[in-house]
Amino acid sequence: MQTDSYTAPLSVRQRLANYLVIAAAFLAVGYGFIYRNSILSATFPFVNREAGITARYPARWLLEEGGTRFVLRAQDPAALPFKTTIQLQLIPIGNGARPADILDLLDIDRAARLPAYRSLSRTPTVLPNGQRGQQMIYAYAYLDPNPFLQAEPIAVRALDLVVLRSGQAVVITYEAKADVFEKHKHYFDAFLRSLTF
């Protein structure tokens, strides 16, 4: 026995309700993406009046100030096993110093401290605020300092920007695991856009 099932056509009101539900779903997804992006791109201000430096760093990152080797260091706690890092340090310089001289000093220091250190390239650069400097890209192997963790070395890629100001070299460093270096670089670019000194 065969029965014909008959479906009554949708009324105008029902069709309108269906369209409104679909539109509301698209709006909710769009709002979710906008909200997610605003959370991920949120920043906190950094101000060091003594050094004359202001900048904005990612809100979810951990900030360390006033170490012996840096003015500020911001690290992404979610980037494991090697934390993506942005660091700014000030190095006293004499008359006639050039950015390339500072990079030479950093090169010598890092070659002695970092396993498998390699300087990859050096190029002149201009910061977003118009200041001219020198950029160096380098790589090294990160070894976990915990002797009980028998982990493989991690390939790290890093970038230094050196800009001179009266009596000081400003060294801005970005370090990340080699496979996420380009992916996380937008954090460093945003930091540079906000940086004044």
C-alpha atoms as a PDB file:
ATOM      1  CA  MET A   1       0.000   0.000   0.000  1.00  0.00           C
ATOM      2  CA  GLN A   2       1.461   3.325  -1.068  1.00  0.00           C
ATOM      3  CA  THR A   3       0.591   6.611   0.548  1.00  0.00           C
ATOM      4  CA  ASP A   4       1.301   9.930  -0.990  1.00  0.00           C
ATOM      5  CA  SER A   5       2.732  12.346   1.452  1.00  0.00           C
ATOM      6  CA  TYR A   6       1.688  15.857   0.773  1.00  0.00           C
ATOM      7  CA  THR A   7       3.592  18.821   2.132  1.00  0.00           C
ATOM      8  CA  ALA A   8       1.781  22.065   2.197  1.00  0.00           C
ATOM      9  CA  PRO A   9       3.731  24.992   0.708  1.00  0.00           C
ATOM     10  CA  LEU A  10       5.383  27.305   3.216  1.00  0.00           C
ATOM     11  CA  SER A  11       3.587  30.466   3.994  1.00  0.00           C
ATOM     12  CA  VAL A  12       5.253  33.842   3.529  1.00  0.00           C
ATOM     13  CA  ARG A  13       5.680  34.121   7.274  1.00  0.00           C
ATOM     14  CA  GLN A  14       7.399  30.706   7.520  1.00  0.00           C
ATOM     15  CA  ARG A  15       9.751  31.525   4.643  1.00  0.00           C
ATOM     16  CA  LEU A  16      10.624  34.835   6.253  1.00  0.00           C
ATOM     17  CA  ALA A  17      11.320  33.057   9.572  1.00  0.00           C
ATOM     18  CA  ASN A  18      13.663  30.602   7.804  1.00  0.00           C
ATOM     19  CA  TYR A  19      15.577  33.462   6.148  1.00  0.00           C
ATOM     20  CA  LEU A  20      15.859  35.320   9.440  1.00  0.00           C
ATOM     21  CA  VAL A  21      17.283  32.242  11.194  1.00  0.00           C
ATOM     22  CA  ILE A  22      19.893  31.796   8.459  1.00  0.00           C
ATOM     23  CA  ALA A  23      20.796  35.509   8.574  1.00  0.00           C
ATOM     24  CA  ALA A  24      21.068  35.404  12.386  1.00  0.00           C
ATOM     25  CA  ALA A  25      23.395  32.385  12.166  1.00  0.00           C
ATOM     26  CA  PHE A  26      25.665  34.190   9.686  1.00  0.00           C
ATOM     27  CA  LEU A  27      25.692  37.310  11.875  1.00  0.00           C
ATOM     28  CA  ALA A  28      26.579  35.261  14.964  1.00  0.00           C
ATOM     29  CA  VAL A  29      29.482  33.545  13.165  1.00  0.00           C
ATOM     30  CA  GLY A  30      30.712  36.893  11.803  1.00  0.00           C
ATOM     31  CA  TYR A  31      30.531  38.484  15.253  1.00  0.00           C
ATOM     32  CA  GLY A  32      32.422  35.509  16.687  1.00  0.00           C
ATOM     33  CA  PHE A  33      35.262  35.996  14.198  1.00  0.00           C
ATOM     34  CA  ILE A  34      35.430  39.740  14.903  1.00  0.00           C
ATOM     35  CA  TYR A  35      35.410  39.150  18.673  1.00  0.00           C
ATOM     36  CA  ARG A  36      38.086  36.443  18.394  1.00  0.00           C
ATOM     37  CA  ASN A  37      40.332  38.702  16.301  1.00  0.00           C
ATOM     38  CA  SER A  38      39.912  41.594  18.741  1.00  0.00           C
ATOM     39  CA  ILE A  39      40.930  39.332  21.642  1.00  0.00           C
ATOM     40  CA  LEU A  40      43.950  37.959  19.757  1.00  0.00           C
ATOM     41  CA  SER A  41      45.127  41.409  18.649  1.00  0.00           C
ATOM     42  CA  ALA A  42      44.596  43.133  22.017  1.00  0.00           C
ATOM     43  CA  THR A  43      47.668  44.882  23.416  1.00  0.00           C
ATOM     44  CA  PHE A  44      48.861  46.429  26.665  1.00  0.00           C
ATOM     45  CA  PRO A  45      50.993  49.592  26.876  1.00  0.00           C
ATOM     46  CA  PHE A  46      54.604  49.559  28.016  1.00  0.00           C
ATOM     47  CA  VAL A  47      56.107  52.827  29.258  1.00  0.00           C
ATOM     48  CA  ASN A  48      59.627  53.350  30.579  1.00  0.00           C
ATOM     49  CA  ARG A  49      60.038  57.063  31.209  1.00  0.00           C
ATOM     50  CA  GLU A  50      63.652  56.720  32.364  1.00  0.00           C
ATOM     51  CA  ALA A  51      64.686  55.144  29.034  1.00  0.00           C
ATOM     52  CA  GLY A  52      62.192  57.243  27.042  1.00  0.00           C
ATOM     53  CA  ILE A  53      60.536  54.178  25.493  1.00  0.00           C
ATOM     54  CA  THR A  54      56.868  53.451  24.875  1.00  0.00           C
ATOM     55  CA  ALA A  55      55.390  50.487  23.025  1.00  0.00           C
ATOM     56  CA  ARG A  56      52.464  48.080  22.974  1.00  0.00           C
ATOM     57  CA  TYR A  57      52.914  44.325  23.459  1.00  0.00           C
ATOM     58  CA  PRO A  58      50.383  41.467  23.042  1.00  0.00           C
ATOM     59  CA  ALA A  59      47.937  41.350  25.956  1.00  0.00           C
ATOM     60  CA  ARG A  60      48.208  37.589  26.506  1.00  0.00           C
ATOM     61  CA  TRP A  61      52.011  37.675  26.736  1.00  0.00           C
ATOM     62  CA  LEU A  62      54.105  37.784  29.909  1.00  0.00           C
ATOM     63  CA  LEU A  63      56.121  40.974  30.412  1.00  0.00           C
ATOM     64  CA  GLU A  64      59.434  41.168  32.202  1.00  0.00           C
ATOM     65  CA  GLU A  65      61.027  44.581  32.777  1.00  0.00           C
ATOM     66  CA  GLY A  66      64.424  45.871  33.758  1.00  0.00           C
ATOM     67  CA  GLY A  67      66.567  42.784  33.515  1.00  0.00           C
ATOM     68  CA  THR A  68      70.336  43.145  33.446  1.00  0.00           C
ATOM     69  CA  ARG A  69      70.406  42.464  29.704  1.00  0.00           C
ATOM     70  CA  PHE A  70      67.196  44.160  28.563  1.00  0.00           C
ATOM     71  CA  VAL A  71      64.667  46.954  29.160  1.00  0.00           C
ATOM     72  CA  LEU A  72      61.684  44.767  28.314  1.00  0.00           C
ATOM     73  CA  ARG A  73      61.036  41.170  27.359  1.00  0.00           C
ATOM     74  CA  ALA A  74      57.593  39.920  26.321  1.00  0.00           C
ATOM     75  CA  GLN A  75      57.017  36.184  25.844  1.00  0.00           C
ATOM     76  CA  ASP A  76      54.077  34.159  24.577  1.00  0.00           C
ATOM     77  CA  PRO A  77      53.340  31.549  27.289  1.00  0.00           C
ATOM     78  CA  ALA A  78      51.223  29.520  24.852  1.00  0.00           C
ATOM     79  CA  ALA A  79      54.116  28.977  22.435  1.00  0.00           C
ATOM     80  CA  LEU A  80      55.667  25.788  23.746  1.00  0.00           C
ATOM     81  CA  PRO A  81      58.245  24.320  23.984  1.00  0.00           C
ATOM     82  CA  PHE A  82      60.036  27.558  22.935  1.00  0.00           C
ATOM     83  CA  LYS A  83      58.313  30.818  23.842  1.00  0.00           C
ATOM     84  CA  THR A  84      58.082  33.399  21.060  1.00  0.00           C
ATOM     85  CA  THR A  85      59.920  36.454  22.417  1.00  0.00           C
ATOM     86  CA  ILE A  86      60.178  40.179  21.742  1.00  0.00           C
ATOM     87  CA  GLN A  87      63.001  41.920  23.578  1.00  0.00           C
ATOM     88  CA  LEU A  88      64.402  45.450  23.666  1.00  0.00           C
ATOM     89  CA  GLN A  89      67.792  46.333  25.082  1.00  0.00           C
ATOM     90  CA  LEU A  90      69.932  49.471  25.241  1.00  0.00           C
ATOM     91  CA  ILE A  91      73.683  49.261  24.718  1.00  0.00           C
ATOM     92  CA  PRO A  92      75.950  52.254  25.482  1.00  0.00           C
ATOM     93  CA  ILE A  93      78.053  53.276  22.459  1.00  0.00           C
ATOM     94  CA  GLY A  94      80.878  55.689  21.701  1.00  0.00           C
ATOM     95  CA  ASN A  95      81.229  58.298  18.986  1.00  0.00           C
ATOM     96  CA  GLY A  96      81.440  56.940  15.474  1.00  0.00           C
ATOM     97  CA  ALA A  97      79.684  53.656  16.251  1.00  0.00           C
ATOM     98  CA  ARG A  98      77.613  52.192  13.457  1.00  0.00           C
ATOM     99  CA  PRO A  99      74.727  49.683  13.612  1.00  0.00           C
ATOM    100  CA  ALA A 100      76.962  47.130  11.855  1.00  0.00           C
ATOM    101  CA  ASP A 101      79.471  47.427  14.734  1.00  0.00           C
ATOM    102  CA  ILE A 102      76.765  46.552  17.255  1.00  0.00           C
ATOM    103  CA  LEU A 103      75.716  43.557  15.162  1.00  0.00           C
ATOM    104  CA  ASP A 104      79.354  42.410  15.117  1.00  0.00           C
ATOM    105  CA  LEU A 105      79.444  42.532  18.930  1.00  0.00           C
ATOM    106  CA  LEU A 106      76.142  40.628  19.184  1.00  0.00           C
ATOM    107  CA  ASP A 107      77.447  38.103  16.665  1.00  0.00           C
ATOM    108  CA  ILE A 108      80.576  37.388  18.736  1.00  0.00           C
ATOM    109  CA  ASP A 109      78.619  37.177  22.012  1.00  0.00           C
ATOM    110  CA  ARG A 110      75.975  34.819  20.624  1.00  0.00           C
ATOM    111  CA  ALA A 111      78.460  32.576  18.842  1.00  0.00           C
ATOM    112  CA  ALA A 112      80.039  31.929  22.265  1.00  0.00           C
ATOM    113  CA  ARG A 113      76.735  31.396  24.122  1.00  0.00           C
ATOM    114  CA  LEU A 114      74.297  29.741  21.706  1.00  0.00           C
ATOM    115  CA  PRO A 115      74.699  26.205  20.317  1.00  0.00           C
ATOM    116  CA  ALA A 116      74.868  25.927  16.505  1.00  0.00           C
ATOM    117  CA  TYR A 117      74.627  29.717  16.128  1.00  0.00           C
ATOM    118  CA  ARG A 118      74.628  31.006  12.541  1.00  0.00           C
ATOM    119  CA  SER A 119      74.263  34.566  11.251  1.00  0.00           C
ATOM    120  CA  LEU A 120      72.130  34.282   8.096  1.00  0.00           C
ATOM    121  CA  SER A 121      71.813  37.788   6.640  1.00  0.00           C
ATOM    122  CA  ARG A 122      72.263  41.505   7.250  1.00  0.00           C
ATOM    123  CA  THR A 123      70.316  44.245   5.522  1.00  0.00           C
ATOM    124  CA  PRO A 124      69.685  47.978   6.012  1.00  0.00           C
ATOM    125  CA  THR A 125      66.168  48.677   7.245  1.00  0.00           C
ATOM    126  CA  VAL A 126      63.809  51.521   8.084  1.00  0.00           C
ATOM    127  CA  LEU A 127      61.513  51.354  11.113  1.00  0.00           C
ATOM    128  CA  PRO A 128      57.848  52.397  10.770  1.00  0.00           C
ATOM    129  CA  ASN A 129      58.703  55.691  12.531  1.00  0.00           C
ATOM    130  CA  GLY A 130      61.247  56.478   9.776  1.00  0.00           C
ATOM    131  CA  GLN A 131      64.450  55.751  11.716  1.00  0.00           C
ATOM    132  CA  ARG A 132      67.164  53.926   9.789  1.00  0.00           C
ATOM    133  CA  GLY A 133      69.013  50.935  11.149  1.00  0.00           C
ATOM    134  CA  GLN A 134      70.473  47.544  10.378  1.00  0.00           C
ATOM    135  CA  GLN A 135      68.735  44.160  10.536  1.00  0.00           C
ATOM    136  CA  MET A 136      70.317  40.755  11.130  1.00  0.00           C
ATOM    137  CA  ILE A 137      68.598  37.381  10.856  1.00  0.00           C
ATOM    138  CA  TYR A 138      70.205  34.438  12.649  1.00  0.00           C
ATOM    139  CA  ALA A 139      69.471  30.925  13.863  1.00  0.00           C
ATOM    140  CA  TYR A 140      70.567  28.679  16.709  1.00  0.00           C
ATOM    141  CA  ALA A 141      69.637  25.488  18.542  1.00  0.00           C
ATOM    142  CA  TYR A 142      67.749  25.840  21.825  1.00  0.00           C
ATOM    143  CA  LEU A 143      68.566  23.208  24.440  1.00  0.00           C
ATOM    144  CA  ASP A 144      66.193  22.869  27.388  1.00  0.00           C
ATOM    145  CA  PRO A 145      68.166  23.753  30.548  1.00  0.00           C
ATOM    146  CA  ASN A 146      66.370  21.035  32.556  1.00  0.00           C
ATOM    147  CA  PRO A 147      68.796  18.069  32.587  1.00  0.00           C
ATOM    148  CA  PHE A 148      65.979  15.618  33.340  1.00  0.00           C
ATOM    149  CA  LEU A 149      64.138  16.422  30.112  1.00  0.00           C
ATOM    150  CA  GLN A 150      65.791  14.511  27.327  1.00  0.00           C
ATOM    151  CA  ALA A 151      64.333  16.632  24.564  1.00  0.00           C
ATOM    152  CA  GLU A 152      65.749  17.214  21.123  1.00  0.00           C
ATOM    153  CA  PRO A 153      67.266  20.628  20.378  1.00  0.00           C
ATOM    154  CA  ILE A 154      64.790  23.141  18.937  1.00  0.00           C
ATOM    155  CA  ALA A 155      65.693  25.158  15.861  1.00  0.00           C
ATOM    156  CA  VAL A 156      65.169  28.851  16.639  1.00  0.00           C
ATOM    157  CA  ARG A 157      65.128  31.662  14.101  1.00  0.00           C
ATOM    158  CA  ALA A 158      65.621  35.242  15.264  1.00  0.00           C
ATOM    159  CA  LEU A 159      65.929  38.812  14.064  1.00  0.00           C
ATOM    160  CA  ASP A 160      67.774  41.812  15.499  1.00  0.00           C
ATOM    161  CA  LEU A 161      67.095  45.421  14.573  1.00  0.00           C
ATOM    162  CA  VAL A 162      69.715  47.955  15.627  1.00  0.00           C
ATOM    163  CA  VAL A 163      68.983  51.691  15.631  1.00  0.00           C
ATOM    164  CA  LEU A 164      71.301  54.326  17.088  1.00  0.00           C
ATOM    165  CA  ARG A 165      70.252  57.218  19.263  1.00  0.00           C
ATOM    166  CA  SER A 166      72.366  59.642  21.296  1.00  0.00           C
ATOM    167  CA  GLY A 167      74.952  57.543  23.126  1.00  0.00           C
ATOM    168  CA  GLN A 168      72.967  54.301  22.841  1.00  0.00           C
ATOM    169  CA  ALA A 169      72.157  51.499  20.461  1.00  0.00           C
ATOM    170  CA  VAL A 170      68.561  50.291  20.627  1.00  0.00           C
ATOM    171  CA  VAL A 171      68.483  46.555  19.883  1.00  0.00           C
ATOM    172  CA  ILE A 172      65.044  45.076  19.192  1.00  0.00           C
ATOM    173  CA  THR A 173      65.015  41.282  19.023  1.00  0.00           C
ATOM    174  CA  TYR A 174      62.372  38.821  17.851  1.00  0.00           C
ATOM    175  CA  GLU A 175      62.858  35.074  18.458  1.00  0.00           C
ATOM    176  CA  ALA A 176      60.571  32.171  17.573  1.00  0.00           C
ATOM    177  CA  LYS A 177      60.686  28.490  16.796  1.00  0.00           C
ATOM    178  CA  ALA A 178      61.879  28.256  13.188  1.00  0.00           C
ATOM    179  CA  ASP A 179      58.650  26.673  11.910  1.00  0.00           C
ATOM    180  CA  VAL A 180      56.446  29.486  13.335  1.00  0.00           C
ATOM    181  CA  PHE A 181      58.830  32.419  12.761  1.00  0.00           C
ATOM    182  CA  GLU A 182      56.845  33.887   9.844  1.00  0.00           C
ATOM    183  CA  LYS A 183      53.458  32.989  11.362  1.00  0.00           C
ATOM    184  CA  HIS A 184      54.154  34.888  14.606  1.00  0.00           C
ATOM    185  CA  LYS A 185      56.067  37.780  13.009  1.00  0.00           C
ATOM    186  CA  HIS A 186      52.917  39.953  12.890  1.00  0.00           C
ATOM    187  CA  TYR A 187      53.284  40.394  16.682  1.00  0.00           C
ATOM    188  CA  PHE A 188      56.765  41.832  16.155  1.00  0.00           C
ATOM    189  CA  ASP A 189      55.590  44.062  13.294  1.00  0.00           C
ATOM    190  CA  ALA A 190      52.764  45.455  15.471  1.00  0.00           C
ATOM    191  CA  PHE A 191      55.259  46.050  18.305  1.00  0.00           C
ATOM    192  CA  LEU A 192      57.538  48.001  15.931  1.00  0.00           C
ATOM    193  CA  ARG A 193      54.626  50.150  14.701  1.00  0.00           C
ATOM    194  CA  SER A 194      53.818  51.132  18.294  1.00  0.00           C
ATOM    195  CA  LEU A 195      57.420  51.654  19.429  1.00  0.00           C
ATOM    196  CA  THR A 196      58.688  55.180  20.146  1.00  0.00           C
ATOM    197  CA  PHE A 197      62.017  56.146  21.658  1.00  0.00           C
END
